[in-house]
Amino acid sequence: MNSCMVTKTSVGQYTETRGDDYTYARGKQMWLFWGIIPLGRTNVNTPADGNCQVITKYTFGDFLITGLTGGILTSYSIKVKAKK
């Protein structure tokens, strides 16, 4: 169900860099009225070298929040991955 609701964006030399992936930072972006009005802007930290992958996805928890509020409140999960 949520495979079509995942966006992965590689930044810098992330795909060419060797090493193990790890989660650098996480965050949640909240929206009102079915995604029309953002509630602030989530600032998620990124590595100093700029090489990372930003993943935005709609998780099961986000689905529950949206479902229980009838879409009035929506959330998306943000994860920044880097390599060691």
C-alpha atoms as a PDB file:
ATOM      1  CA  MET A   1       0.000   0.000   0.000  1.00  0.00           C
ATOM      2  CA  ASN A   2       2.626   2.579   0.938  1.00  0.00           C
ATOM      3  CA  SER A   3       5.200   1.645  -1.710  1.00  0.00           C
ATOM      4  CA  CYS A   4       3.884   4.367  -3.998  1.00  0.00           C
ATOM      5  CA  MET A   5       4.120   6.905  -1.173  1.00  0.00           C
ATOM      6  CA  VAL A   6       7.899   6.749  -0.679  1.00  0.00           C
ATOM      7  CA  THR A   7      10.314   9.312  -2.085  1.00  0.00           C
ATOM      8  CA  LYS A   8      14.068   8.680  -1.940  1.00  0.00           C
ATOM      9  CA  THR A   9      16.392  11.509  -2.923  1.00  0.00           C
ATOM     10  CA  SER A  10      20.160  11.005  -2.968  1.00  0.00           C
ATOM     11  CA  VAL A  11      22.235  14.107  -2.250  1.00  0.00           C
ATOM     12  CA  GLY A  12      25.888  14.620  -3.126  1.00  0.00           C
ATOM     13  CA  GLN A  13      28.048  11.542  -3.580  1.00  0.00           C
ATOM     14  CA  TYR A  14      25.786   9.259  -1.497  1.00  0.00           C
ATOM     15  CA  THR A  15      25.297   6.574  -4.170  1.00  0.00           C
ATOM     16  CA  GLU A  16      29.019   6.431  -5.027  1.00  0.00           C
ATOM     17  CA  THR A  17      30.220   6.381  -1.408  1.00  0.00           C
ATOM     18  CA  ARG A  18      31.035   3.009   0.094  1.00  0.00           C
ATOM     19  CA  GLY A  19      30.073   2.051   3.611  1.00  0.00           C
ATOM     20  CA  ASP A  20      27.198   0.917   5.760  1.00  0.00           C
ATOM     21  CA  ASP A  21      23.976   2.912   5.873  1.00  0.00           C
ATOM     22  CA  TYR A  22      22.766   4.325   9.160  1.00  0.00           C
ATOM     23  CA  THR A  23      19.978   6.669  10.162  1.00  0.00           C
ATOM     24  CA  TYR A  24      21.443  10.133  10.655  1.00  0.00           C
ATOM     25  CA  ALA A  25      18.219  11.945  11.639  1.00  0.00           C
ATOM     26  CA  ARG A  26      14.428  11.586  11.699  1.00  0.00           C
ATOM     27  CA  GLY A  27      11.494  13.953  11.659  1.00  0.00           C
ATOM     28  CA  LYS A  28       7.772  14.298  11.031  1.00  0.00           C
ATOM     29  CA  GLN A  29       6.029  16.899   8.887  1.00  0.00           C
ATOM     30  CA  MET A  30       2.443  17.685   9.876  1.00  0.00           C
ATOM     31  CA  TRP A  31      -0.245  19.098   7.579  1.00  0.00           C
ATOM     32  CA  LEU A  32      -3.818  20.344   8.034  1.00  0.00           C
ATOM     33  CA  PHE A  33      -6.823  19.803   5.791  1.00  0.00           C
ATOM     34  CA  TRP A  34      -5.642  16.873   3.674  1.00  0.00           C
ATOM     35  CA  GLY A  35      -2.164  18.266   3.081  1.00  0.00           C
ATOM     36  CA  ILE A  36      -3.103  21.794   2.072  1.00  0.00           C
ATOM     37  CA  ILE A  37      -1.653  23.810   4.971  1.00  0.00           C
ATOM     38  CA  PRO A  38       1.716  22.840   6.526  1.00  0.00           C
ATOM     39  CA  LEU A  39       2.100  23.122  10.299  1.00  0.00           C
ATOM     40  CA  GLY A  40       5.554  24.658  10.387  1.00  0.00           C
ATOM     41  CA  ARG A  41       8.513  23.292   8.498  1.00  0.00           C
ATOM     42  CA  THR A  42      10.452  20.355   9.860  1.00  0.00           C
ATOM     43  CA  ASN A  43      14.209  20.899   9.870  1.00  0.00           C
ATOM     44  CA  VAL A  44      15.999  17.554   9.777  1.00  0.00           C
ATOM     45  CA  ASN A  45      19.773  17.628  10.240  1.00  0.00           C
ATOM     46  CA  THR A  46      22.054  16.484   7.438  1.00  0.00           C
ATOM     47  CA  PRO A  47      25.710  15.408   7.528  1.00  0.00           C
ATOM     48  CA  ALA A  48      28.362  18.117   7.218  1.00  0.00           C
ATOM     49  CA  ASP A  49      29.736  16.625   3.984  1.00  0.00           C
ATOM     50  CA  GLY A  50      26.270  16.737   2.402  1.00  0.00           C
ATOM     51  CA  ASN A  51      26.306  13.110   1.248  1.00  0.00           C
ATOM     52  CA  CYS A  52      23.035  11.556   2.330  1.00  0.00           C
ATOM     53  CA  GLN A  53      19.737  10.102   1.206  1.00  0.00           C
ATOM     54  CA  VAL A  54      16.485  11.783   2.259  1.00  0.00           C
ATOM     55  CA  ILE A  55      13.532   9.407   2.500  1.00  0.00           C
ATOM     56  CA  THR A  56      10.006  10.742   2.861  1.00  0.00           C
ATOM     57  CA  LYS A  57       7.338   8.128   3.414  1.00  0.00           C
ATOM     58  CA  TYR A  58       3.809   7.584   4.586  1.00  0.00           C
ATOM     59  CA  THR A  59       4.052   4.976   7.374  1.00  0.00           C
ATOM     60  CA  PHE A  60       1.351   2.967   9.117  1.00  0.00           C
ATOM     61  CA  GLY A  61       1.451   5.423  12.038  1.00  0.00           C
ATOM     62  CA  ASP A  62       0.889   8.295   9.607  1.00  0.00           C
ATOM     63  CA  PHE A  63      -2.022   6.353   8.125  1.00  0.00           C
ATOM     64  CA  LEU A  64      -3.568   5.979  11.599  1.00  0.00           C
ATOM     65  CA  ILE A  65      -3.223   9.699  12.339  1.00  0.00           C
ATOM     66  CA  THR A  66      -4.854  10.593   9.036  1.00  0.00           C
ATOM     67  CA  GLY A  67      -7.585   7.992   9.420  1.00  0.00           C
ATOM     68  CA  LEU A  68      -8.508   8.845  13.001  1.00  0.00           C
ATOM     69  CA  THR A  69      -8.745  12.567  12.232  1.00  0.00           C
ATOM     70  CA  GLY A  70     -10.594  12.083   8.942  1.00  0.00           C
ATOM     71  CA  GLY A  71      -7.737  13.676   7.015  1.00  0.00           C
ATOM     72  CA  ILE A  72      -7.892  16.939   8.907  1.00  0.00           C
ATOM     73  CA  LEU A  73      -4.407  16.205  10.297  1.00  0.00           C
ATOM     74  CA  THR A  74      -1.885  14.418   8.082  1.00  0.00           C
ATOM     75  CA  SER A  75       1.723  13.502   8.783  1.00  0.00           C
ATOM     76  CA  TYR A  76       4.691  12.234   6.788  1.00  0.00           C
ATOM     77  CA  SER A  77       7.839  10.642   8.181  1.00  0.00           C
ATOM     78  CA  ILE A  78      11.251  11.932   7.096  1.00  0.00           C
ATOM     79  CA  LYS A  79      14.488   9.968   7.494  1.00  0.00           C
ATOM     80  CA  VAL A  80      18.018  11.025   6.550  1.00  0.00           C
ATOM     81  CA  LYS A  81      20.438   8.166   5.882  1.00  0.00           C
ATOM     82  CA  ALA A  82      24.203   8.519   5.652  1.00  0.00           C
ATOM     83  CA  LYS A  83      27.126   6.121   5.266  1.00  0.00           C
ATOM     84  CA  LYS A  84      29.854   5.341   7.777  1.00  0.00           C
END
